[in-house]
Amino acid sequence: MQFQDRLAAAGINSGAPVGDKQKRDHQDEAAAVLGHTSKKMRPPGVRSVGWALVQAARLHRARTGDRLAKLGLFAGQEQVVQALAAAGTMTMGDLAALLRVRPPTASKTVTRLAALGIVERRAESGDGRVVRVQLTEAGMAKAEAIERIQEEVEAELLDHLDKTDRRRLRKLLRKAARGLAEAAGASGQVTEADAEIEAEDETEGLPA
């Protein structure tokens, strides 16, 4: 359909004699009909917290992923390894709650790590329905290597932030993550680690 025909179909008579103001009104209406906008388009997410967060997370994930690949791991698997290194042994339910993911997601990651010989699963004594997960000896070695990698990337991430900004950023991101987890139905209980970090924030005098 031609330009004039499309305007006519929309009830806009561009050929009728009109004044300057009416002409401008017709032009604005025509632009709307044709799917255009008179406003200058800005890059997506210029003022979006989510956009900035995604960009930072993507870069962080890429930097971490490059280093993890040398260990034969994918980004995301290191979280399970670190959680088990700290806890020693965990049920699948506790692991999923700590990572704020759904149990099937945690189970899939554990299955892949088990195939690599990094973790092992054992049925709870007296209740075969409860499965506990722990690191193997090879898994503990991976955990130490992962810790070094995260320290390196963490230093890059926070290079331009002072101590107060770092604690405030951590607190805000944890609150944002908790909100998203609740919305997704994957929220878990506040763990001892959560309570410890929140206590540190209160000691530092950070606002709630």
Protein backbone atom coordinates (compact mmCIF):
# COMPACT_ATOMS: atom_id res chain seq x y z
CA MET A 1 0.00 0.00 0.00
CA GLN A 2 1.33 3.44 -0.95
CA PHE A 3 1.97 6.21 1.59
CA GLN A 4 -1.08 8.27 0.56
CA ASP A 5 -3.31 5.19 0.52
CA ARG A 6 -2.19 4.21 4.01
CA LEU A 7 -2.98 7.69 5.30
CA ALA A 8 -6.38 7.64 3.61
CA ALA A 9 -7.13 4.25 5.15
CA ALA A 10 -6.38 5.76 8.53
CA GLY A 11 -8.73 8.67 7.85
CA ILE A 12 -5.98 11.21 7.25
CA ASN A 13 -6.53 13.48 4.26
CA SER A 14 -3.04 14.77 3.51
CA GLY A 15 -4.13 16.37 0.23
CA ALA A 16 -6.63 18.85 1.72
CA PRO A 17 -5.52 22.48 2.12
CA VAL A 18 -4.54 23.03 5.74
CA GLY A 19 -2.74 25.60 7.86
CA ASP A 20 0.72 25.17 9.41
CA LYS A 21 -0.61 23.89 12.70
CA GLN A 22 -2.98 21.46 11.04
CA LYS A 23 -0.16 20.31 8.77
CA ARG A 24 2.03 19.55 11.77
CA ASP A 25 -0.83 17.67 13.39
CA HIS A 26 -1.30 15.62 10.25
CA GLN A 27 2.41 14.86 10.07
CA ASP A 28 2.48 13.69 13.69
CA GLU A 29 -0.60 11.55 13.12
CA ALA A 30 0.89 10.10 9.96
CA ALA A 31 4.10 9.20 11.77
CA ALA A 32 2.09 7.38 14.41
CA VAL A 33 0.12 5.48 11.79
CA LEU A 34 3.30 4.40 10.00
CA GLY A 35 4.86 3.14 13.23
CA HIS A 36 7.47 5.89 13.57
CA THR A 37 8.28 8.13 16.53
CA SER A 38 9.43 11.72 16.64
CA LYS A 39 11.53 11.03 19.76
CA LYS A 40 15.17 10.20 19.35
CA MET A 41 15.71 6.55 20.12
CA ARG A 42 18.11 5.89 22.98
CA PRO A 43 20.16 2.75 23.47
CA PRO A 44 18.13 0.08 25.27
CA GLY A 45 18.28 0.17 29.03
CA VAL A 46 20.05 3.51 29.37
CA ARG A 47 18.38 4.09 32.73
CA SER A 48 17.57 0.48 33.55
CA VAL A 49 19.12 -1.12 36.60
CA GLY A 50 18.41 -4.52 35.09
CA TRP A 51 20.26 -3.65 31.89
CA ALA A 52 23.33 -2.43 33.78
CA LEU A 53 23.20 -5.52 35.98
CA VAL A 54 22.99 -7.85 32.99
CA GLN A 55 25.96 -6.17 31.31
CA ALA A 56 28.10 -6.39 34.44
CA ALA A 57 27.03 -10.00 35.06
CA ARG A 58 27.73 -10.95 31.46
CA LEU A 59 31.25 -9.54 31.62
CA HIS A 60 31.86 -11.13 35.00
CA ARG A 61 30.58 -14.47 33.74
CA ALA A 62 32.78 -14.26 30.66
CA ARG A 63 35.90 -13.48 32.69
CA THR A 64 35.12 -16.29 35.11
CA GLY A 65 34.12 -18.68 32.36
CA ASP A 66 37.42 -18.27 30.52
CA ARG A 67 39.32 -19.29 33.63
CA LEU A 68 36.93 -22.09 34.60
CA ALA A 69 37.22 -23.62 31.13
CA LYS A 70 40.87 -24.32 31.89
CA LEU A 71 39.65 -26.42 34.82
CA GLY A 72 37.18 -28.28 32.63
CA LEU A 73 34.18 -26.52 34.21
CA PHE A 74 31.35 -24.32 32.96
CA ALA A 75 30.28 -21.06 34.60
CA GLY A 76 27.68 -21.86 37.28
CA GLN A 77 29.15 -25.21 38.25
CA GLU A 78 31.68 -23.49 40.47
CA GLN A 79 28.88 -22.31 42.76
CA VAL A 80 27.95 -25.89 43.60
CA VAL A 81 31.59 -26.82 44.20
CA GLN A 82 32.12 -23.85 46.51
CA ALA A 83 28.91 -24.48 48.43
CA LEU A 84 29.92 -28.08 49.10
CA ALA A 85 33.48 -27.08 49.97
CA ALA A 86 32.08 -24.80 52.68
CA ALA A 87 29.36 -27.14 53.98
CA GLY A 88 31.10 -30.48 53.61
CA THR A 89 27.88 -32.33 52.76
CA MET A 90 24.42 -31.11 51.80
CA THR A 91 21.07 -32.51 50.80
CA MET A 92 19.87 -31.66 47.32
CA GLY A 93 17.11 -29.54 48.82
CA ASP A 94 19.51 -27.52 50.96
CA LEU A 95 21.85 -27.02 48.01
CA ALA A 96 19.03 -25.75 45.79
CA ALA A 97 17.84 -23.38 48.52
CA LEU A 98 21.34 -22.00 49.08
CA LEU A 99 21.85 -21.35 45.37
CA ARG A 100 18.27 -20.07 45.02
CA VAL A 101 17.47 -22.38 42.12
CA ARG A 102 14.83 -25.03 41.62
CA PRO A 103 15.75 -28.56 42.81
CA PRO A 104 15.75 -30.01 39.25
CA THR A 105 18.30 -27.38 38.22
CA ALA A 106 20.58 -28.23 41.14
CA SER A 107 20.16 -31.94 40.44
CA LYS A 108 21.16 -31.54 36.81
CA THR A 109 24.34 -29.65 37.75
CA VAL A 110 25.24 -32.23 40.40
CA THR A 111 24.75 -35.04 37.88
CA ARG A 112 27.20 -33.41 35.50
CA LEU A 113 29.74 -32.81 38.26
CA ALA A 114 29.39 -36.41 39.41
CA ALA A 115 30.19 -37.58 35.89
CA LEU A 116 33.41 -35.56 36.11
CA GLY A 117 34.31 -37.19 39.42
CA ILE A 118 34.04 -33.89 41.29
CA VAL A 119 31.10 -34.76 43.56
CA GLU A 120 29.53 -37.94 44.87
CA ARG A 121 25.99 -38.65 46.01
CA ARG A 122 24.94 -40.92 48.84
CA ALA A 123 21.54 -41.89 50.16
CA GLU A 124 20.84 -40.78 53.70
CA SER A 125 21.31 -43.58 56.19
CA GLY A 126 17.88 -44.80 57.22
CA ASP A 127 16.04 -42.79 54.55
CA GLY A 128 16.94 -43.60 50.95
CA ARG A 129 14.71 -40.80 49.70
CA VAL A 130 17.15 -38.18 51.03
CA VAL A 131 20.30 -37.78 48.94
CA ARG A 132 23.39 -36.06 50.28
CA VAL A 133 26.11 -34.60 48.09
CA GLN A 134 29.76 -34.00 48.90
CA LEU A 135 32.99 -33.26 47.08
CA THR A 136 35.46 -35.94 46.15
CA GLU A 137 39.19 -35.47 46.68
CA ALA A 138 39.42 -34.18 43.11
CA GLY A 139 36.51 -31.86 43.88
CA MET A 140 38.34 -30.31 46.83
CA ALA A 141 41.30 -29.55 44.56
CA LYS A 142 38.90 -27.90 42.10
CA ALA A 143 37.40 -25.85 44.93
CA GLU A 144 40.81 -24.41 45.81
CA ALA A 145 41.49 -23.51 42.19
CA ILE A 146 38.02 -21.92 41.87
CA GLU A 147 38.66 -19.78 44.94
CA ARG A 148 41.80 -18.37 43.34
CA ILE A 149 39.92 -17.65 40.12
CA GLN A 150 37.12 -15.84 41.91
CA GLU A 151 39.58 -13.72 43.86
CA GLU A 152 41.17 -12.62 40.60
CA VAL A 153 37.85 -11.74 38.93
CA GLU A 154 36.54 -10.12 42.11
CA ALA A 155 39.55 -7.82 42.16
CA GLU A 156 38.81 -6.80 38.57
CA LEU A 157 35.12 -6.26 39.28
CA LEU A 158 35.64 -4.06 42.34
CA ASP A 159 38.78 -2.28 41.24
CA HIS A 160 37.08 1.15 41.12
CA LEU A 161 35.01 0.79 44.30
CA ASP A 162 36.07 1.62 47.84
CA LYS A 163 35.30 -0.63 50.81
CA THR A 164 32.00 1.05 51.66
CA ASP A 165 30.76 0.93 48.08
CA ARG A 166 31.69 -2.74 47.86
CA ARG A 167 29.66 -3.67 50.92
CA ARG A 168 26.72 -1.53 49.82
CA LEU A 169 26.73 -3.08 46.34
CA ARG A 170 26.82 -6.58 47.81
CA LYS A 171 23.92 -5.79 50.13
CA LEU A 172 21.79 -4.29 47.35
CA LEU A 173 22.43 -7.15 44.96
CA ARG A 174 21.54 -9.70 47.62
CA LYS A 175 18.25 -7.91 48.26
CA ALA A 176 17.51 -7.73 44.52
CA ALA A 177 18.30 -11.43 44.09
CA ARG A 178 16.04 -12.30 47.01
CA GLY A 179 13.17 -10.40 45.40
CA LEU A 180 13.60 -12.18 42.06
CA ALA A 181 13.89 -15.55 43.80
CA GLU A 182 10.63 -14.95 45.65
CA ALA A 183 8.92 -13.94 42.40
CA ALA A 184 10.17 -17.14 40.74
CA GLY A 185 9.11 -19.32 43.65
CA ALA A 186 12.70 -20.39 44.30
CA SER A 187 13.35 -18.53 47.52
CA GLY A 188 15.03 -20.38 50.35
CA GLN A 189 15.58 -19.90 54.04
CA VAL A 190 18.11 -17.42 55.33
CA THR A 191 21.28 -19.46 55.82
CA GLU A 192 23.99 -19.00 58.42
CA ALA A 193 26.12 -17.37 55.71
CA ASP A 194 23.30 -14.92 54.94
CA ALA A 195 22.94 -14.05 58.61
CA GLU A 196 26.69 -13.59 59.00
CA ILE A 197 26.94 -11.23 56.04
CA GLU A 198 23.89 -9.24 57.16
CA ALA A 199 25.44 -8.91 60.62
CA GLU A 200 28.62 -7.55 59.02
CA ASP A 201 26.58 -5.00 57.09
CA GLU A 202 24.87 -3.84 60.26
CA THR A 203 28.24 -3.50 61.97
CA GLU A 204 29.41 -1.34 59.09
CA GLY A 205 26.32 0.82 59.54
CA LEU A 206 24.93 0.19 56.04
CA PRO A 207 21.28 1.18 55.58
CA ALA A 208 18.73 -1.65 55.35
